[in-house]
Amino acid sequence: MGGKFEPKEPVNLDPPKNDPISLEELARANGSEGQKAYVAIKGKVYDVTGNKAYQTGGSYNVFAGKDASRALAKTSTKAEDVKPEWQDLDDKEKGVLNDWDTFFSKRYNVVGIVEGATNTE
């Protein structure tokens, strides 16, 4: 997976953290009223605070404060698809999810791991 996921501008990222983040803490990071915005993919929590799309009213705010693995795999912004479960999806959707994981990993800091996540692989 080479250049197609590289950001247009270089991004200096911190080393990934594996601090446990509770579901409650993740839910609070929903981009509202100046709150941080976190999106989890396969249990990894990315800090997307700097991207307005994840703030209240933004086109991807539905993902903020949640593990959005299933929705990203299905290329969906429907609230009912924003779930951590993805293992039952077909290979094409799993590939899309892996692409999103790669995309996020090149742009956003990993600030932790969802506590008790069962969808990491």
Protein backbone atom coordinates (compact mmCIF):
# COMPACT_ATOMS: atom_id res chain seq x y z
CA MET A 1 0.00 0.00 0.00
CA GLY A 2 2.09 2.80 -1.23
CA GLY A 3 1.44 6.35 -2.18
CA LYS A 4 -2.31 6.40 -2.67
CA PHE A 5 -2.83 6.83 1.10
CA GLU A 6 -0.10 9.37 1.63
CA PRO A 7 -1.33 12.79 2.80
CA LYS A 8 -0.81 15.70 0.40
CA GLU A 9 1.11 17.54 3.12
CA PRO A 10 3.50 15.61 5.38
CA VAL A 11 2.08 14.95 8.85
CA ASN A 12 4.30 14.61 11.91
CA LEU A 13 2.66 12.00 14.11
CA ASP A 14 3.41 11.06 17.69
CA PRO A 15 4.31 7.43 18.39
CA PRO A 16 1.06 5.43 18.72
CA LYS A 17 -0.17 4.98 22.28
CA ASN A 18 -1.89 1.90 23.60
CA ASP A 19 -3.47 3.50 26.65
CA PRO A 20 -6.88 2.00 27.45
CA ILE A 21 -9.77 4.32 26.56
CA SER A 22 -13.15 3.44 28.06
CA LEU A 23 -16.28 3.49 25.93
CA GLU A 24 -17.50 6.39 28.09
CA GLU A 25 -14.33 8.40 27.45
CA LEU A 26 -14.59 7.62 23.72
CA ALA A 27 -18.25 8.71 23.67
CA ARG A 28 -17.36 12.06 25.30
CA ALA A 29 -14.85 12.75 22.50
CA ASN A 30 -17.67 13.44 20.04
CA GLY A 31 -16.51 16.80 18.68
CA SER A 32 -19.30 18.81 20.30
CA GLU A 33 -18.86 22.18 22.01
CA GLY A 34 -15.10 22.25 21.74
CA GLN A 35 -14.67 18.64 22.89
CA LYS A 36 -11.98 16.45 21.42
CA ALA A 37 -13.06 14.23 18.54
CA TYR A 38 -11.92 10.62 18.53
CA VAL A 39 -12.75 7.91 15.99
CA ALA A 40 -11.91 4.28 16.65
CA ILE A 41 -11.17 1.80 13.89
CA LYS A 42 -10.67 -1.86 14.78
CA GLY A 43 -10.23 -0.79 18.41
CA LYS A 44 -7.51 1.82 17.71
CA VAL A 45 -8.51 5.32 18.79
CA TYR A 46 -7.48 8.16 16.48
CA ASP A 47 -7.55 11.83 17.52
CA VAL A 48 -9.33 13.62 14.66
CA THR A 49 -9.97 16.82 16.65
CA GLY A 50 -8.20 19.04 14.12
CA ASN A 51 -10.49 18.02 11.25
CA LYS A 52 -13.71 20.08 11.14
CA ALA A 53 -15.54 17.23 9.38
CA TYR A 54 -15.65 15.36 12.71
CA GLN A 55 -16.93 18.34 14.75
CA THR A 56 -20.64 19.02 15.35
CA GLY A 57 -22.31 19.67 12.00
CA GLY A 58 -19.43 18.13 10.05
CA SER A 59 -20.03 15.50 7.39
CA TYR A 60 -18.24 12.80 9.44
CA ASN A 61 -19.46 13.81 12.91
CA VAL A 62 -21.53 10.60 13.01
CA PHE A 63 -18.22 8.73 13.53
CA ALA A 64 -16.93 10.94 16.37
CA GLY A 65 -16.92 9.31 19.79
CA LYS A 66 -17.48 5.82 18.39
CA ASP A 67 -15.79 2.82 16.85
CA ALA A 68 -16.83 3.36 13.23
CA SER A 69 -15.26 0.21 11.78
CA ARG A 70 -18.43 -1.22 10.19
CA ALA A 71 -19.59 2.09 8.71
CA LEU A 72 -16.17 2.80 7.21
CA ALA A 73 -15.97 -0.71 5.74
CA LYS A 74 -19.40 -0.19 4.15
CA THR A 75 -18.57 3.40 3.10
CA SER A 76 -21.64 4.50 5.03
CA THR A 77 -22.43 7.58 7.09
CA LYS A 78 -25.68 6.10 8.38
CA ALA A 79 -25.80 6.18 12.19
CA GLU A 80 -27.10 2.60 12.33
CA ASP A 81 -23.92 1.37 10.59
CA VAL A 82 -21.56 3.04 13.07
CA LYS A 83 -20.63 -0.07 15.05
CA PRO A 84 -17.41 -1.81 16.00
CA GLU A 85 -18.38 -5.21 14.54
CA TRP A 86 -16.88 -5.88 11.14
CA GLN A 87 -15.72 -9.52 11.17
CA ASP A 88 -18.88 -10.76 9.38
CA LEU A 89 -18.36 -8.48 6.37
CA ASP A 90 -17.22 -9.76 2.99
CA ASP A 91 -13.59 -9.61 1.87
CA LYS A 92 -14.14 -6.50 -0.27
CA GLU A 93 -15.55 -4.55 2.70
CA LYS A 94 -12.76 -5.83 4.95
CA GLY A 95 -10.29 -4.52 2.39
CA VAL A 96 -12.02 -1.12 2.42
CA LEU A 97 -11.78 -1.09 6.23
CA ASN A 98 -8.06 -1.87 6.08
CA ASP A 99 -7.63 0.96 3.57
CA TRP A 100 -9.37 3.37 5.97
CA ASP A 101 -7.18 2.15 8.82
CA THR A 102 -4.10 2.87 6.71
CA PHE A 103 -5.52 6.27 5.67
CA PHE A 104 -6.17 7.30 9.31
CA SER A 105 -2.81 5.95 10.51
CA LYS A 106 -0.99 8.32 8.13
CA ARG A 107 -2.96 11.41 9.23
CA TYR A 108 -4.02 11.11 12.87
CA ASN A 109 -2.35 10.25 16.15
CA VAL A 110 -3.32 6.98 17.81
CA VAL A 111 -4.18 8.03 21.36
CA GLY A 112 -5.15 4.62 22.71
CA ILE A 113 -7.07 1.40 22.40
CA VAL A 114 -10.76 0.91 23.20
CA GLU A 115 -10.89 -0.86 26.53
CA GLY A 116 -12.07 -4.44 26.06
CA ALA A 117 -12.22 -4.14 22.26
CA THR A 118 -12.94 -7.49 20.58
CA ASN A 119 -12.75 -6.21 17.01
CA THR A 120 -9.03 -5.59 16.67
CA GLU A 121 -8.42 -8.35 14.11
